[in-house]
Amino acid sequence: MIEFWQIPFIIAFVITGTVTIFYLRNQHREKLELINKGESILHQDALQQMKFRTLSKGIISISLALGIFIAHLLETYTALIPIVSYISMILLFFGIGSLVFYYIVKNK
């Protein structure tokens, strides 16, 4: 049995699902129209953006891995509190990775 307090959650879920379905259906129809016209779904600009997104994810992942590794070394060989070393190194290397990506993209 549905209680009164559950009704707003059910309504929100149904509305969100309906909007999502219509949005995805509309995108699918647009892509099918482009395919039927013989046009490419991916434009050159979209491919360039995908390359940059992949590059940024790779640089950020490598820098975060280095941050975790350095934090582990700091935790093992110093008297720092472990949570402080992990948070500070992850944030530091995330920033360094973001700056490296920015300078790579800026120079292209």
Protein backbone atom coordinates (compact mmCIF):
# COMPACT_ATOMS: atom_id res chain seq x y z
CA MET A 1 0.00 0.00 0.00
CA ILE A 2 1.34 3.40 -0.95
CA GLU A 3 1.52 5.87 1.89
CA PHE A 4 0.91 9.59 1.51
CA TRP A 5 4.55 10.62 1.99
CA GLN A 6 5.66 8.33 -0.87
CA ILE A 7 3.53 10.04 -3.51
CA PRO A 8 5.88 13.02 -4.20
CA PHE A 9 8.83 10.65 -4.68
CA ILE A 10 6.85 8.49 -7.08
CA ILE A 11 5.71 11.53 -9.06
CA ALA A 12 9.28 12.90 -9.23
CA PHE A 13 10.57 9.50 -10.40
CA VAL A 14 7.91 9.24 -13.10
CA ILE A 15 8.51 12.80 -14.35
CA THR A 16 12.30 12.29 -14.43
CA GLY A 17 11.93 9.01 -16.29
CA THR A 18 9.51 10.49 -18.81
CA VAL A 19 11.73 13.48 -19.57
CA THR A 20 14.77 11.21 -19.94
CA ILE A 21 12.94 8.86 -22.31
CA PHE A 22 11.72 11.71 -24.51
CA TYR A 23 15.18 13.29 -24.59
CA LEU A 24 16.90 10.03 -25.57
CA ARG A 25 14.22 9.24 -28.16
CA ASN A 26 14.65 12.69 -29.72
CA GLN A 27 18.44 12.29 -29.92
CA HIS A 28 18.02 8.87 -31.51
CA ARG A 29 15.62 10.24 -34.14
CA GLU A 30 18.02 13.08 -34.98
CA LYS A 31 20.88 10.62 -35.45
CA LEU A 32 18.72 8.38 -37.65
CA GLU A 33 17.80 11.38 -39.82
CA LEU A 34 21.48 12.27 -40.22
CA ILE A 35 22.31 8.68 -41.16
CA ASN A 36 19.46 8.56 -43.70
CA LYS A 37 20.73 11.79 -45.27
CA GLY A 38 24.19 10.25 -45.53
CA GLU A 39 25.83 12.72 -43.17
CA SER A 40 28.33 11.81 -40.51
CA ILE A 41 27.10 11.63 -36.94
CA LEU A 42 30.46 12.75 -35.59
CA HIS A 43 31.73 16.06 -36.84
CA GLN A 44 35.42 16.95 -36.94
CA ASP A 45 35.00 19.27 -33.96
CA ALA A 46 33.43 16.47 -31.93
CA LEU A 47 36.38 14.19 -32.70
CA GLN A 48 38.81 16.89 -31.55
CA GLN A 49 36.83 17.34 -28.33
CA MET A 50 36.89 13.58 -27.71
CA LYS A 51 40.68 13.57 -28.13
CA PHE A 52 41.04 16.38 -25.60
CA ARG A 53 38.66 14.69 -23.16
CA THR A 54 40.62 11.45 -23.40
CA LEU A 55 43.91 13.29 -22.98
CA SER A 56 42.61 15.15 -19.92
CA LYS A 57 41.33 11.94 -18.31
CA GLY A 58 44.66 10.24 -18.91
CA ILE A 59 46.73 13.09 -17.49
CA ILE A 60 44.46 13.47 -14.45
CA SER A 61 44.48 9.69 -13.81
CA ILE A 62 48.27 9.51 -13.96
CA SER A 63 48.66 12.54 -11.71
CA LEU A 64 46.17 11.16 -9.16
CA ALA A 65 48.00 7.83 -9.15
CA LEU A 66 51.27 9.67 -8.51
CA GLY A 67 49.57 11.62 -5.72
CA ILE A 68 48.38 8.44 -4.04
CA PHE A 69 51.83 6.89 -4.39
CA ILE A 70 53.59 9.93 -2.91
CA ALA A 71 51.00 10.07 -0.11
CA HIS A 72 51.72 6.44 0.72
CA LEU A 73 55.44 7.20 0.84
CA LEU A 74 54.77 10.20 3.11
CA GLU A 75 52.58 8.09 5.39
CA THR A 76 55.20 5.34 5.59
CA TYR A 77 58.35 7.41 6.08
CA THR A 78 57.13 10.49 7.94
CA ALA A 79 55.07 11.24 11.01
CA LEU A 80 52.28 12.93 9.05
CA ILE A 81 48.69 11.98 9.76
CA PRO A 82 47.66 9.58 6.96
CA ILE A 83 44.46 11.41 5.99
CA VAL A 84 46.34 14.70 5.73
CA SER A 85 49.04 13.22 3.50
CA TYR A 86 46.52 11.52 1.20
CA ILE A 87 44.19 14.50 0.82
CA SER A 88 46.99 17.01 0.34
CA MET A 89 48.92 14.92 -2.19
CA ILE A 90 45.82 13.96 -4.18
CA LEU A 91 44.73 17.60 -4.40
CA LEU A 92 48.26 18.78 -5.19
CA PHE A 93 48.77 16.28 -8.00
CA PHE A 94 45.24 16.86 -9.33
CA GLY A 95 46.14 20.54 -9.65
CA ILE A 96 49.46 19.75 -11.28
CA GLY A 97 47.76 17.41 -13.76
CA SER A 98 45.16 20.05 -14.57
CA LEU A 99 47.87 22.65 -15.20
CA VAL A 100 49.82 20.24 -17.40
CA PHE A 101 46.70 19.57 -19.47
CA TYR A 102 45.98 23.30 -19.72
CA TYR A 103 49.47 24.06 -21.03
CA ILE A 104 49.33 21.18 -23.51
CA VAL A 105 45.98 22.40 -24.90
CA LYS A 106 47.09 26.04 -24.85
CA ASN A 107 50.13 25.29 -27.02
CA LYS A 108 48.10 23.45 -29.70
